[in-house]
Amino acid sequence: WEEEHKQFRMERGQWLLDAYLLDLSTKKPINVTGVERVSHYNGGL
């Protein structure tokens, strides 16, 4: 749909963007935007 209409459509259920913190020593990623979630699209951490 985005390609056809040449615009973003970042609706819930169609997009998911989260920010993770990855400790280089443990290599374990933690989803901090998924805690007490306020949005399905979270950028710019």
PDB file of all heavy atoms in Angstrom:
ATOM      1  N   TRP A   1       0.836  -1.196   0.000  1.00  0.00           N
ATOM      2  CA  TRP A   1       0.000   0.000   0.000  1.00  0.00           C
ATOM      3  C   TRP A   1       0.877   1.254   0.000  1.00  0.00           C
ATOM      4  O   TRP A   1       0.602   2.220  -0.738  1.00  0.00           O
ATOM      5  CB  TRP A   1      -0.908  -0.003   1.230  1.00  0.00           C
ATOM      6  CG  TRP A   1      -1.897   1.142   1.247  1.00  0.00           C
ATOM      7  CD1 TRP A   1      -3.178   1.116   0.804  1.00  0.00           C
ATOM      8  CD2 TRP A   1      -1.651   2.476   1.724  1.00  0.00           C
ATOM      9  NE1 TRP A   1      -3.769   2.350   0.975  1.00  0.00           N
ATOM     10  CE2 TRP A   1      -2.851   3.201   1.536  1.00  0.00           C
ATOM     11  CE3 TRP A   1      -0.562   3.116   2.289  1.00  0.00           C
ATOM     12  CZ2 TRP A   1      -2.975   4.543   1.899  1.00  0.00           C
ATOM     13  CZ3 TRP A   1      -0.667   4.458   2.642  1.00  0.00           C
ATOM     14  CH2 TRP A   1      -1.868   5.161   2.451  1.00  0.00           C
ATOM     15  N   GLU A   2       1.933   1.268   0.818  1.00  0.00           N
ATOM     16  CA  GLU A   2       2.822   2.427   0.884  1.00  0.00           C
ATOM     17  C   GLU A   2       3.514   2.676  -0.453  1.00  0.00           C
ATOM     18  O   GLU A   2       3.662   3.831  -0.877  1.00  0.00           O
ATOM     19  CB  GLU A   2       3.858   2.227   1.999  1.00  0.00           C
ATOM     20  CG  GLU A   2       3.255   2.294   3.395  1.00  0.00           C
ATOM     21  CD  GLU A   2       4.305   2.174   4.480  1.00  0.00           C
ATOM     22  OE1 GLU A   2       5.458   1.770   4.178  1.00  0.00           O
ATOM     23  OE2 GLU A   2       3.987   2.482   5.641  1.00  0.00           O
ATOM     24  N   GLU A   3       3.950   1.609  -1.101  1.00  0.00           N
ATOM     25  CA  GLU A   3       4.590   1.776  -2.399  1.00  0.00           C
ATOM     26  C   GLU A   3       3.608   2.356  -3.428  1.00  0.00           C
ATOM     27  O   GLU A   3       3.970   3.237  -4.215  1.00  0.00           O
ATOM     28  CB  GLU A   3       5.138   0.436  -2.908  1.00  0.00           C
ATOM     29  CG  GLU A   3       6.357  -0.062  -2.168  1.00  0.00           C
ATOM     30  CD  GLU A   3       7.571   0.828  -2.366  1.00  0.00           C
ATOM     31  OE1 GLU A   3       7.677   1.476  -3.436  1.00  0.00           O
ATOM     32  OE2 GLU A   3       8.412   0.893  -1.456  1.00  0.00           O
ATOM     33  N   GLU A   4       2.394   1.873  -3.397  1.00  0.00           N
ATOM     34  CA  GLU A   4       1.395   2.336  -4.358  1.00  0.00           C
ATOM     35  C   GLU A   4       1.038   3.801  -4.134  1.00  0.00           C
ATOM     36  O   GLU A   4       0.903   4.575  -5.081  1.00  0.00           O
ATOM     37  CB  GLU A   4       0.136   1.472  -4.251  1.00  0.00           C
ATOM     38  CG  GLU A   4      -0.972   1.898  -5.210  1.00  0.00           C
ATOM     39  CD  GLU A   4      -2.239   1.068  -5.039  1.00  0.00           C
ATOM     40  OE1 GLU A   4      -2.202   0.069  -4.287  1.00  0.00           O
ATOM     41  OE2 GLU A   4      -3.264   1.429  -5.664  1.00  0.00           O
ATOM     42  N   HIS A   5       0.908   4.188  -2.856  1.00  0.00           N
ATOM     43  CA  HIS A   5       0.476   5.551  -2.536  1.00  0.00           C
ATOM     44  C   HIS A   5       1.645   6.489  -2.238  1.00  0.00           C
ATOM     45  O   HIS A   5       1.435   7.681  -2.009  1.00  0.00           O
ATOM     46  CB  HIS A   5      -0.480   5.523  -1.338  1.00  0.00           C
ATOM     47  CG  HIS A   5      -1.778   4.837  -1.621  1.00  0.00           C
ATOM     48  ND1 HIS A   5      -1.916   3.461  -1.542  1.00  0.00           N
ATOM     49  CD2 HIS A   5      -2.983   5.333  -2.012  1.00  0.00           C
ATOM     50  CE1 HIS A   5      -3.167   3.139  -1.844  1.00  0.00           C
ATOM     51  NE2 HIS A   5      -3.834   4.248  -2.142  1.00  0.00           N
ATOM     52  N   LYS A   6       2.863   5.934  -2.208  1.00  0.00           N
ATOM     53  CA  LYS A   6       4.094   6.708  -1.979  1.00  0.00           C
ATOM     54  C   LYS A   6       4.026   7.531  -0.702  1.00  0.00           C
ATOM     55  O   LYS A   6       4.365   8.723  -0.670  1.00  0.00           O
ATOM     56  CB  LYS A   6       4.383   7.602  -3.189  1.00  0.00           C
ATOM     57  CG  LYS A   6       4.563   6.824  -4.485  1.00  0.00           C
ATOM     58  CD  LYS A   6       5.022   7.699  -5.617  1.00  0.00           C
ATOM     59  CE  LYS A   6       5.106   6.912  -6.925  1.00  0.00           C
ATOM     60  NZ  LYS A   6       5.913   5.688  -6.826  1.00  0.00           N
ATOM     61  N   GLN A   7       3.588   6.893   0.365  1.00  0.00           N
ATOM     62  CA  GLN A   7       3.553   7.519   1.682  1.00  0.00           C
ATOM     63  C   GLN A   7       3.508   6.450   2.758  1.00  0.00           C
ATOM     64  O   GLN A   7       3.122   5.307   2.501  1.00  0.00           O
ATOM     65  CB  GLN A   7       2.335   8.433   1.818  1.00  0.00           C
ATOM     66  CG  GLN A   7       0.996   7.687   1.814  1.00  0.00           C
ATOM     67  CD  GLN A   7      -0.184   8.619   1.906  1.00  0.00           C
ATOM     68  OE1 GLN A   7      -0.489   9.352   0.978  1.00  0.00           O
ATOM     69  NE2 GLN A   7      -0.848   8.599   3.056  1.00  0.00           N
ATOM     70  N   PHE A   8       3.954   6.823   3.981  1.00  0.00           N
ATOM     71  CA  PHE A   8       3.911   5.894   5.098  1.00  0.00           C
ATOM     72  C   PHE A   8       2.489   5.768   5.627  1.00  0.00           C
ATOM     73  O   PHE A   8       1.705   6.730   5.614  1.00  0.00           O
ATOM     74  CB  PHE A   8       4.827   6.361   6.233  1.00  0.00           C
ATOM     75  CG  PHE A   8       6.288   6.206   5.937  1.00  0.00           C
ATOM     76  CD1 PHE A   8       7.123   7.306   5.889  1.00  0.00           C
ATOM     77  CD2 PHE A   8       6.824   4.950   5.717  1.00  0.00           C
ATOM     78  CE1 PHE A   8       8.474   7.170   5.618  1.00  0.00           C
ATOM     79  CE2 PHE A   8       8.180   4.790   5.447  1.00  0.00           C
ATOM     80  CZ  PHE A   8       8.998   5.906   5.400  1.00  0.00           C
ATOM     81  N   ARG A   9       2.149   4.572   6.119  1.00  0.00           N
ATOM     82  CA  ARG A   9       0.905   4.332   6.828  1.00  0.00           C
ATOM     83  C   ARG A   9       1.255   3.481   8.045  1.00  0.00           C
ATOM     84  O   ARG A   9       1.169   2.260   8.027  1.00  0.00           O
ATOM     85  CB  ARG A   9      -0.120   3.627   5.928  1.00  0.00           C
ATOM     86  CG  ARG A   9      -1.484   3.475   6.583  1.00  0.00           C
ATOM     87  CD  ARG A   9      -2.502   2.857   5.645  1.00  0.00           C
ATOM     88  NE  ARG A   9      -2.179   1.481   5.302  1.00  0.00           N
ATOM     89  CZ  ARG A   9      -2.984   0.664   4.622  1.00  0.00           C
ATOM     90  NH1 ARG A   9      -4.164   1.107   4.206  1.00  0.00           N
ATOM     91  NH2 ARG A   9      -2.621  -0.570   4.335  1.00  0.00           N
ATOM     92  N   MET A  10       1.631   4.157   9.125  1.00  0.00           N
ATOM     93  CA  MET A  10       2.184   3.470  10.299  1.00  0.00           C
ATOM     94  C   MET A  10       1.092   3.161  11.304  1.00  0.00           C
ATOM     95  O   MET A  10       1.108   3.637  12.447  1.00  0.00           O
ATOM     96  CB  MET A  10       3.283   4.332  10.928  1.00  0.00           C
ATOM     97  CG  MET A  10       4.475   4.516  10.004  1.00  0.00           C
ATOM     98  SD  MET A  10       5.631   5.733  10.617  1.00  0.00           S
ATOM     99  CE  MET A  10       6.938   5.613   9.385  1.00  0.00           C
ATOM    100  N   GLU A  11       0.152   2.342  10.902  1.00  0.00           N
ATOM    101  CA  GLU A  11      -0.966   1.992  11.762  1.00  0.00           C
ATOM    102  C   GLU A  11      -0.644   0.789  12.638  1.00  0.00           C
ATOM    103  O   GLU A  11       0.169  -0.064  12.277  1.00  0.00           O
ATOM    104  CB  GLU A  11      -2.201   1.700  10.911  1.00  0.00           C
ATOM    105  CG  GLU A  11      -2.688   2.897  10.114  1.00  0.00           C
ATOM    106  CD  GLU A  11      -3.896   2.563   9.239  1.00  0.00           C
ATOM    107  OE1 GLU A  11      -4.255   1.361   9.166  1.00  0.00           O
ATOM    108  OE2 GLU A  11      -4.467   3.502   8.643  1.00  0.00           O
ATOM    109  N   ARG A  12      -1.298   0.747  13.784  1.00  0.00           N
ATOM    110  CA  ARG A  12      -1.145  -0.390  14.684  1.00  0.00           C
ATOM    111  C   ARG A  12      -1.560  -1.677  13.985  1.00  0.00           C
ATOM    112  O   ARG A  12      -2.558  -1.722  13.275  1.00  0.00           O
ATOM    113  CB  ARG A  12      -1.997  -0.176  15.939  1.00  0.00           C
ATOM    114  CG  ARG A  12      -1.765  -1.203  17.037  1.00  0.00           C
ATOM    115  CD  ARG A  12      -2.650  -0.889  18.231  1.00  0.00           C
ATOM    116  NE  ARG A  12      -2.396   0.439  18.761  1.00  0.00           N
ATOM    117  CZ  ARG A  12      -1.428   0.738  19.623  1.00  0.00           C
ATOM    118  NH1 ARG A  12      -0.622  -0.215  20.048  1.00  0.00           N
ATOM    119  NH2 ARG A  12      -1.278   1.976  20.061  1.00  0.00           N
ATOM    120  N   GLY A  13      -0.762  -2.717  14.145  1.00  0.00           N
ATOM    121  CA  GLY A  13      -1.014  -3.984  13.490  1.00  0.00           C
ATOM    122  C   GLY A  13      -0.346  -4.107  12.139  1.00  0.00           C
ATOM    123  O   GLY A  13      -0.187  -5.218  11.626  1.00  0.00           O
ATOM    124  N   GLN A  14       0.044  -2.968  11.559  1.00  0.00           N
ATOM    125  CA  GLN A  14       0.737  -2.958  10.276  1.00  0.00           C
ATOM    126  C   GLN A  14       2.229  -2.651  10.433  1.00  0.00           C
ATOM    127  O   GLN A  14       3.048  -3.040   9.605  1.00  0.00           O
ATOM    128  CB  GLN A  14       0.105  -1.919   9.345  1.00  0.00           C
ATOM    129  CG  GLN A  14      -1.375  -2.117   9.106  1.00  0.00           C
ATOM    130  CD  GLN A  14      -1.670  -3.422   8.390  1.00  0.00           C
ATOM    131  OE1 GLN A  14      -0.877  -3.931   7.609  1.00  0.00           O
ATOM    132  NE2 GLN A  14      -2.842  -3.997   8.685  1.00  0.00           N
ATOM    133  N   TRP A  15       2.563  -1.920  11.474  1.00  0.00           N
ATOM    134  CA  TRP A  15       3.944  -1.543  11.794  1.00  0.00           C
ATOM    135  C   TRP A  15       4.235  -1.882  13.256  1.00  0.00           C
ATOM    136  O   TRP A  15       3.354  -1.823  14.111  1.00  0.00           O
ATOM    137  CB  TRP A  15       4.143  -0.033  11.619  1.00  0.00           C
ATOM    138  CG  TRP A  15       4.661   0.413  10.289  1.00  0.00           C
ATOM    139  CD1 TRP A  15       3.918   0.781   9.201  1.00  0.00           C
ATOM    140  CD2 TRP A  15       6.031   0.593   9.916  1.00  0.00           C
ATOM    141  NE1 TRP A  15       4.739   1.179   8.167  1.00  0.00           N
ATOM    142  CE2 TRP A  15       6.045   1.076   8.579  1.00  0.00           C
ATOM    143  CE3 TRP A  15       7.254   0.397  10.567  1.00  0.00           C
ATOM    144  CZ2 TRP A  15       7.233   1.366   7.883  1.00  0.00           C
ATOM    145  CZ3 TRP A  15       8.419   0.687   9.879  1.00  0.00           C
ATOM    146  CH2 TRP A  15       8.408   1.158   8.555  1.00  0.00           C
ATOM    147  N   LEU A  16       5.501  -2.176  13.540  1.00  0.00           N
ATOM    148  CA  LEU A  16       5.972  -2.284  14.920  1.00  0.00           C
ATOM    149  C   LEU A  16       7.437  -1.867  14.928  1.00  0.00           C
ATOM    150  O   LEU A  16       8.260  -2.444  14.205  1.00  0.00           O
ATOM    151  CB  LEU A  16       5.838  -3.718  15.453  1.00  0.00           C
ATOM    152  CG  LEU A  16       6.289  -3.929  16.906  1.00  0.00           C
ATOM    153  CD1 LEU A  16       5.447  -3.092  17.863  1.00  0.00           C
ATOM    154  CD2 LEU A  16       6.229  -5.400  17.291  1.00  0.00           C
ATOM    155  N   LEU A  17       7.738  -0.835  15.701  1.00  0.00           N
ATOM    156  CA  LEU A  17       9.121  -0.380  15.851  1.00  0.00           C
ATOM    157  C   LEU A  17       9.414  -0.203  17.325  1.00  0.00           C
ATOM    158  O   LEU A  17       8.728   0.556  18.015  1.00  0.00           O
ATOM    159  CB  LEU A  17       9.357   0.935  15.113  1.00  0.00           C
ATOM    160  CG  LEU A  17      10.801   1.454  15.158  1.00  0.00           C
ATOM    161  CD1 LEU A  17      11.709   0.581  14.298  1.00  0.00           C
ATOM    162  CD2 LEU A  17      10.882   2.907  14.689  1.00  0.00           C
ATOM    163  N   ASP A  18      10.427  -0.927  17.811  1.00  0.00           N
ATOM    164  CA  ASP A  18      10.822  -0.843  19.212  1.00  0.00           C
ATOM    165  C   ASP A  18      12.322  -0.596  19.340  1.00  0.00           C
ATOM    166  O   ASP A  18      13.097  -0.927  18.432  1.00  0.00           O
ATOM    167  CB  ASP A  18      10.463  -2.131  19.956  1.00  0.00           C
ATOM    168  CG  ASP A  18       9.028  -2.136  20.444  1.00  0.00           C
ATOM    169  OD1 ASP A  18       8.594  -1.108  21.003  1.00  0.00           O
ATOM    170  OD2 ASP A  18       8.329  -3.153  20.258  1.00  0.00           O
ATOM    171  N   ALA A  19      12.712  -0.022  20.467  1.00  0.00           N
ATOM    172  CA  ALA A  19      14.118   0.265  20.750  1.00  0.00           C
ATOM    173  C   ALA A  19      14.612  -0.669  21.852  1.00  0.00           C
ATOM    174  O   ALA A  19      13.989  -0.786  22.915  1.00  0.00           O
ATOM    175  CB  ALA A  19      14.290   1.719  21.175  1.00  0.00           C
ATOM    176  N   TYR A  20      15.733  -1.324  21.575  1.00  0.00           N
ATOM    177  CA  TYR A  20      16.324  -2.287  22.501  1.00  0.00           C
ATOM    178  C   TYR A  20      17.680  -1.764  22.991  1.00  0.00           C
ATOM    179  O   TYR A  20      18.418  -1.109  22.247  1.00  0.00           O
ATOM    180  CB  TYR A  20      16.557  -3.626  21.814  1.00  0.00           C
ATOM    181  CG  TYR A  20      15.309  -4.415  21.519  1.00  0.00           C
ATOM    182  CD1 TYR A  20      14.449  -4.035  20.498  1.00  0.00           C
ATOM    183  CD2 TYR A  20      14.999  -5.560  22.253  1.00  0.00           C
ATOM    184  CE1 TYR A  20      13.311  -4.771  20.222  1.00  0.00           C
ATOM    185  CE2 TYR A  20      13.855  -6.301  21.973  1.00  0.00           C
ATOM    186  CZ  TYR A  20      13.022  -5.901  20.965  1.00  0.00           C
ATOM    187  OH  TYR A  20      11.885  -6.628  20.685  1.00  0.00           O
ATOM    188  N   LEU A  21      18.004  -2.083  24.235  1.00  0.00           N
ATOM    189  CA  LEU A  21      19.334  -1.858  24.774  1.00  0.00           C
ATOM    190  C   LEU A  21      20.050  -3.199  24.802  1.00  0.00           C
ATOM    191  O   LEU A  21      19.548  -4.164  25.379  1.00  0.00           O
ATOM    192  CB  LEU A  21      19.267  -1.257  26.177  1.00  0.00           C
ATOM    193  CG  LEU A  21      18.586   0.111  26.286  1.00  0.00           C
ATOM    194  CD1 LEU A  21      18.624   0.612  27.736  1.00  0.00           C
ATOM    195  CD2 LEU A  21      19.227   1.129  25.357  1.00  0.00           C
ATOM    196  N   LEU A  22      21.233  -3.244  24.185  1.00  0.00           N
ATOM    197  CA  LEU A  22      21.994  -4.489  24.071  1.00  0.00           C
ATOM    198  C   LEU A  22      23.315  -4.342  24.810  1.00  0.00           C
ATOM    199  O   LEU A  22      24.204  -3.603  24.365  1.00  0.00           O
ATOM    200  CB  LEU A  22      22.252  -4.831  22.606  1.00  0.00           C
ATOM    201  CG  LEU A  22      23.090  -6.082  22.336  1.00  0.00           C
ATOM    202  CD1 LEU A  22      22.295  -7.333  22.677  1.00  0.00           C
ATOM    203  CD2 LEU A  22      23.554  -6.129  20.893  1.00  0.00           C
ATOM    204  N   ASP A  23      23.453  -5.015  25.949  1.00  0.00           N
ATOM    205  CA  ASP A  23      24.717  -5.039  26.692  1.00  0.00           C
ATOM    206  C   ASP A  23      25.724  -5.873  25.899  1.00  0.00           C
ATOM    207  O   ASP A  23      25.470  -7.042  25.605  1.00  0.00           O
ATOM    208  CB  ASP A  23      24.489  -5.640  28.074  1.00  0.00           C
ATOM    209  CG  ASP A  23      25.714  -5.558  28.967  1.00  0.00           C
ATOM    210  OD1 ASP A  23      26.798  -5.999  28.540  1.00  0.00           O
ATOM    211  OD2 ASP A  23      25.585  -5.052  30.094  1.00  0.00           O
ATOM    212  N   LEU A  24      26.861  -5.263  25.528  1.00  0.00           N
ATOM    213  CA  LEU A  24      27.818  -5.978  24.688  1.00  0.00           C
ATOM    214  C   LEU A  24      28.453  -7.165  25.394  1.00  0.00           C
ATOM    215  O   LEU A  24      28.930  -8.093  24.742  1.00  0.00           O
ATOM    216  CB  LEU A  24      28.912  -5.019  24.209  1.00  0.00           C
ATOM    217  CG  LEU A  24      28.484  -3.940  23.213  1.00  0.00           C
ATOM    218  CD1 LEU A  24      29.705  -3.204  22.677  1.00  0.00           C
ATOM    219  CD2 LEU A  24      27.683  -4.519  22.057  1.00  0.00           C
ATOM    220  N   SER A  25      28.465  -7.157  26.732  1.00  0.00           N
ATOM    221  CA  SER A  25      29.076  -8.273  27.459  1.00  0.00           C
ATOM    222  C   SER A  25      28.155  -9.482  27.531  1.00  0.00           C
ATOM    223  O   SER A  25      28.604 -10.623  27.452  1.00  0.00           O
ATOM    224  CB  SER A  25      29.475  -7.830  28.870  1.00  0.00           C
ATOM    225  OG  SER A  25      28.338  -7.443  29.629  1.00  0.00           O
ATOM    226  N   THR A  26      26.857  -9.255  27.659  1.00  0.00           N
ATOM    227  CA  THR A  26      25.908 -10.367  27.776  1.00  0.00           C
ATOM    228  C   THR A  26      25.225 -10.688  26.452  1.00  0.00           C
ATOM    229  O   THR A  26      24.689 -11.786  26.291  1.00  0.00           O
ATOM    230  CB  THR A  26      24.820 -10.028  28.803  1.00  0.00           C
ATOM    231  OG1 THR A  26      24.028  -8.928  28.316  1.00  0.00           O
ATOM    232  CG2 THR A  26      25.442  -9.653  30.150  1.00  0.00           C
ATOM    233  N   LYS A  27      25.229  -9.714  25.521  1.00  0.00           N
ATOM    234  CA  LYS A  27      24.560  -9.840  24.214  1.00  0.00           C
ATOM    235  C   LYS A  27      23.046 -10.024  24.352  1.00  0.00           C
ATOM    236  O   LYS A  27      22.382 -10.492  23.429  1.00  0.00           O
ATOM    237  CB  LYS A  27      25.145 -11.020  23.409  1.00  0.00           C
ATOM    238  CG  LYS A  27      26.631 -10.883  23.121  1.00  0.00           C
ATOM    239  CD  LYS A  27      26.923  -9.718  22.219  1.00  0.00           C
ATOM    240  CE  LYS A  27      28.353  -9.729  21.683  1.00  0.00           C
ATOM    241  NZ  LYS A  27      29.375  -9.636  22.721  1.00  0.00           N
ATOM    242  N   LYS A  28      22.484  -9.635  25.503  1.00  0.00           N
ATOM    243  CA  LYS A  28      21.048  -9.794  25.729  1.00  0.00           C
ATOM    244  C   LYS A  28      20.329  -8.487  25.423  1.00  0.00           C
ATOM    245  O   LYS A  28      20.563  -7.471  26.078  1.00  0.00           O
ATOM    246  CB  LYS A  28      20.773 -10.204  27.174  1.00  0.00           C
ATOM    247  CG  LYS A  28      19.295 -10.396  27.479  1.00  0.00           C
ATOM    248  CD  LYS A  28      19.073 -10.771  28.934  1.00  0.00           C
ATOM    249  CE  LYS A  28      17.580 -10.932  29.223  1.00  0.00           C
ATOM    250  NZ  LYS A  28      17.333 -11.283  30.647  1.00  0.00           N
ATOM    251  N   PRO A  29      19.425  -8.461  24.421  1.00  0.00           N
ATOM    252  CA  PRO A  29      18.680  -7.233  24.106  1.00  0.00           C
ATOM    253  C   PRO A  29      17.455  -7.073  25.013  1.00  0.00           C
ATOM    254  O   PRO A  29      16.726  -8.035  25.270  1.00  0.00           O
ATOM    255  CB  PRO A  29      18.264  -7.438  22.654  1.00  0.00           C
ATOM    256  CG  PRO A  29      18.171  -8.917  22.487  1.00  0.00           C
ATOM    257  CD  PRO A  29      19.161  -9.530  23.449  1.00  0.00           C
ATOM    258  N   ILE A  30      17.228  -5.861  25.511  1.00  0.00           N
ATOM    259  CA  ILE A  30      16.088  -5.560  26.367  1.00  0.00           C
ATOM    260  C   ILE A  30      15.223  -4.508  25.685  1.00  0.00           C
ATOM    261  O   ILE A  30      15.694  -3.413  25.355  1.00  0.00           O
ATOM    262  CB  ILE A  30      16.553  -5.053  27.746  1.00  0.00           C
ATOM    263  CG1 ILE A  30      17.376  -6.121  28.457  1.00  0.00           C
ATOM    264  CG2 ILE A  30      15.355  -4.647  28.595  1.00  0.00           C
ATOM    265  CD1 ILE A  30      17.995  -5.655  29.754  1.00  0.00           C
ATOM    266  N   ASN A  31      13.961  -4.809  25.486  1.00  0.00           N
ATOM    267  CA  ASN A  31      13.024  -3.923  24.809  1.00  0.00           C
ATOM    268  C   ASN A  31      12.481  -2.900  25.805  1.00  0.00           C
ATOM    269  O   ASN A  31      11.500  -3.143  26.493  1.00  0.00           O
ATOM    270  CB  ASN A  31      11.885  -4.740  24.204  1.00  0.00           C
ATOM    271  CG  ASN A  31      10.911  -3.882  23.414  1.00  0.00           C
ATOM    272  OD1 ASN A  31      11.041  -2.670  23.340  1.00  0.00           O
ATOM    273  ND2 ASN A  31       9.922  -4.532  22.810  1.00  0.00           N
ATOM    274  N   VAL A  32      13.101  -1.717  25.862  1.00  0.00           N
ATOM    275  CA  VAL A  32      12.679  -0.713  26.845  1.00  0.00           C
ATOM    276  C   VAL A  32      11.416   0.024  26.399  1.00  0.00           C
ATOM    277  O   VAL A  32      10.673   0.531  27.246  1.00  0.00           O
ATOM    278  CB  VAL A  32      13.809   0.297  27.133  1.00  0.00           C
ATOM    279  CG1 VAL A  32      14.915  -0.353  27.944  1.00  0.00           C
ATOM    280  CG2 VAL A  32      14.366   0.910  25.859  1.00  0.00           C
ATOM    281  N   THR A  33      11.152   0.102  25.103  1.00  0.00           N
ATOM    282  CA  THR A  33       9.921   0.758  24.678  1.00  0.00           C
ATOM    283  C   THR A  33       8.718  -0.179  24.787  1.00  0.00           C
ATOM    284  O   THR A  33       7.569   0.281  24.741  1.00  0.00           O
ATOM    285  CB  THR A  33      10.040   1.287  23.236  1.00  0.00           C
ATOM    286  OG1 THR A  33      10.468   0.235  22.367  1.00  0.00           O
ATOM    287  CG2 THR A  33      11.032   2.432  23.163  1.00  0.00           C
ATOM    288  N   GLY A  34       8.966  -1.466  24.956  1.00  0.00           N
ATOM    289  CA  GLY A  34       7.883  -2.419  25.158  1.00  0.00           C
ATOM    290  C   GLY A  34       7.415  -2.499  26.595  1.00  0.00           C
ATOM    291  O   GLY A  34       6.368  -3.095  26.875  1.00  0.00           O
ATOM    292  N   VAL A  35       8.171  -1.908  27.532  1.00  0.00           N
ATOM    293  CA  VAL A  35       7.782  -1.860  28.942  1.00  0.00           C
ATOM    294  C   VAL A  35       6.788  -0.716  29.129  1.00  0.00           C
ATOM    295  O   VAL A  35       7.025   0.407  28.670  1.00  0.00           O
ATOM    296  CB  VAL A  35       9.017  -1.623  29.837  1.00  0.00           C
ATOM    297  CG1 VAL A  35       8.606  -1.501  31.295  1.00  0.00           C
ATOM    298  CG2 VAL A  35      10.029  -2.732  29.652  1.00  0.00           C
ATOM    299  N   GLU A  36       5.647  -1.003  29.784  1.00  0.00           N
ATOM    300  CA  GLU A  36       4.603   0.016  29.953  1.00  0.00           C
ATOM    301  C   GLU A  36       4.364   0.728  28.620  1.00  0.00           C
ATOM    302  O   GLU A  36       4.390   1.955  28.516  1.00  0.00           O
ATOM    303  CB  GLU A  36       4.977   1.011  31.058  1.00  0.00           C
ATOM    304  CG  GLU A  36       5.129   0.362  32.422  1.00  0.00           C
ATOM    305  CD  GLU A  36       5.536   1.348  33.513  1.00  0.00           C
ATOM    306  OE1 GLU A  36       5.778   2.537  33.199  1.00  0.00           O
ATOM    307  OE2 GLU A  36       5.632   0.946  34.682  1.00  0.00           O
ATOM    308  N   ARG A  37       4.138  -0.053  27.590  1.00  0.00           N
ATOM    309  CA  ARG A  37       4.077   0.425  26.210  1.00  0.00           C
ATOM    310  C   ARG A  37       3.084   1.572  26.040  1.00  0.00           C
ATOM    311  O   ARG A  37       1.946   1.513  26.505  1.00  0.00           O
ATOM    312  CB  ARG A  37       3.706  -0.737  25.294  1.00  0.00           C
ATOM    313  CG  ARG A  37       3.631  -0.357  23.809  1.00  0.00           C
ATOM    314  CD  ARG A  37       3.235  -1.549  22.946  1.00  0.00           C
ATOM    315  NE  ARG A  37       4.277  -2.572  22.917  1.00  0.00           N
ATOM    316  CZ  ARG A  37       5.362  -2.505  22.154  1.00  0.00           C
ATOM    317  NH1 ARG A  37       5.568  -1.448  21.388  1.00  0.00           N
ATOM    318  NH2 ARG A  37       6.240  -3.488  22.171  1.00  0.00           N
ATOM    319  N   VAL A  38       3.525   2.623  25.312  1.00  0.00           N
ATOM    320  CA  VAL A  38       2.640   3.734  24.979  1.00  0.00           C
ATOM    321  C   VAL A  38       2.357   3.809  23.490  1.00  0.00           C
ATOM    322  O   VAL A  38       1.478   4.561  23.059  1.00  0.00           O
ATOM    323  CB  VAL A  38       3.227   5.079  25.458  1.00  0.00           C
ATOM    324  CG1 VAL A  38       3.348   5.113  26.970  1.00  0.00           C
ATOM    325  CG2 VAL A  38       4.563   5.374  24.785  1.00  0.00           C
ATOM    326  N   SER A  39       3.123   3.054  22.672  1.00  0.00           N
ATOM    327  CA  SER A  39       2.943   3.124  21.230  1.00  0.00           C
ATOM    328  C   SER A  39       3.471   1.864  20.562  1.00  0.00           C
ATOM    329  O   SER A  39       4.328   1.156  21.113  1.00  0.00           O
ATOM    330  CB  SER A  39       3.682   4.347  20.663  1.00  0.00           C
ATOM    331  OG  SER A  39       3.644   4.372  19.247  1.00  0.00           O
ATOM    332  N   HIS A  40       2.989   1.619  19.347  1.00  0.00           N
ATOM    333  CA  HIS A  40       3.504   0.521  18.525  1.00  0.00           C
ATOM    334  C   HIS A  40       4.680   0.980  17.681  1.00  0.00           C
ATOM    335  O   HIS A  40       5.332   0.156  17.036  1.00  0.00           O
ATOM    336  CB  HIS A  40       2.400  -0.005  17.604  1.00  0.00           C
ATOM    337  CG  HIS A  40       1.970   0.990  16.566  1.00  0.00           C
ATOM    338  ND1 HIS A  40       1.182   2.085  16.868  1.00  0.00           N
ATOM    339  CD2 HIS A  40       2.229   1.082  15.235  1.00  0.00           C
ATOM    340  CE1 HIS A  40       0.967   2.796  15.771  1.00  0.00           C
ATOM    341  NE2 HIS A  40       1.608   2.216  14.768  1.00  0.00           N
ATOM    342  N   TYR A  41       4.950   2.282  17.663  1.00  0.00           N
ATOM    343  CA  TYR A  41       6.044   2.824  16.846  1.00  0.00           C
ATOM    344  C   TYR A  41       6.868   3.773  17.713  1.00  0.00           C
ATOM    345  O   TYR A  41       6.407   4.857  18.092  1.00  0.00           O
ATOM    346  CB  TYR A  41       5.480   3.566  15.630  1.00  0.00           C
ATOM    347  CG  TYR A  41       6.544   3.921  14.609  1.00  0.00           C
ATOM    348  CD1 TYR A  41       6.804   3.082  13.532  1.00  0.00           C
ATOM    349  CD2 TYR A  41       7.292   5.081  14.733  1.00  0.00           C
ATOM    350  CE1 TYR A  41       7.779   3.390  12.595  1.00  0.00           C
ATOM    351  CE2 TYR A  41       8.274   5.408  13.806  1.00  0.00           C
ATOM    352  CZ  TYR A  41       8.512   4.556  12.738  1.00  0.00           C
ATOM    353  OH  TYR A  41       9.495   4.865  11.833  1.00  0.00           O
ATOM    354  N   ASN A  42       8.098   3.359  18.042  1.00  0.00           N
ATOM    355  CA  ASN A  42       8.935   4.085  18.997  1.00  0.00           C
ATOM    356  C   ASN A  42      10.331   4.269  18.419  1.00  0.00           C
ATOM    357  O   ASN A  42      11.084   3.301  18.282  1.00  0.00           O
ATOM    358  CB  ASN A  42       9.032   3.310  20.312  1.00  0.00           C
ATOM    359  CG  ASN A  42       7.678   2.986  20.896  1.00  0.00           C
ATOM    360  OD1 ASN A  42       7.050   3.797  21.563  1.00  0.00           O
ATOM    361  ND2 ASN A  42       7.201   1.760  20.635  1.00  0.00           N
ATOM    362  N   GLY A  43      10.678   5.491  18.068  1.00  0.00           N
ATOM    363  CA  GLY A  43      11.985   5.764  17.472  1.00  0.00           C
ATOM    364  C   GLY A  43      12.789   6.761  18.278  1.00  0.00           C
ATOM    365  O   GLY A  43      12.361   7.256  19.322  1.00  0.00           O
ATOM    366  N   GLY A  44      13.990   7.066  17.759  1.00  0.00           N
ATOM    367  CA  GLY A  44      14.800   8.158  18.308  1.00  0.00           C
ATOM    368  C   GLY A  44      15.304   7.970  19.715  1.00  0.00           C
ATOM    369  O   GLY A  44      15.525   8.954  20.434  1.00  0.00           O
ATOM    370  N   LEU A  45      15.541   6.740  20.174  1.00  0.00           N
ATOM    371  CA  LEU A  45      15.978   6.527  21.550  1.00  0.00           C
ATOM    372  C   LEU A  45      17.379   7.081  21.773  1.00  0.00           C
ATOM    373  O   LEU A  45      18.281   6.891  20.965  1.00  0.00           O
ATOM    374  CB  LEU A  45      15.963   5.031  21.883  1.00  0.00           C
ATOM    375  CG  LEU A  45      16.260   4.698  23.352  1.00  0.00           C
ATOM    376  CD1 LEU A  45      15.055   4.998  24.221  1.00  0.00           C
ATOM    377  CD2 LEU A  45      16.683   3.247  23.509  1.00  0.00           C
TER     378      LEU A  45
END
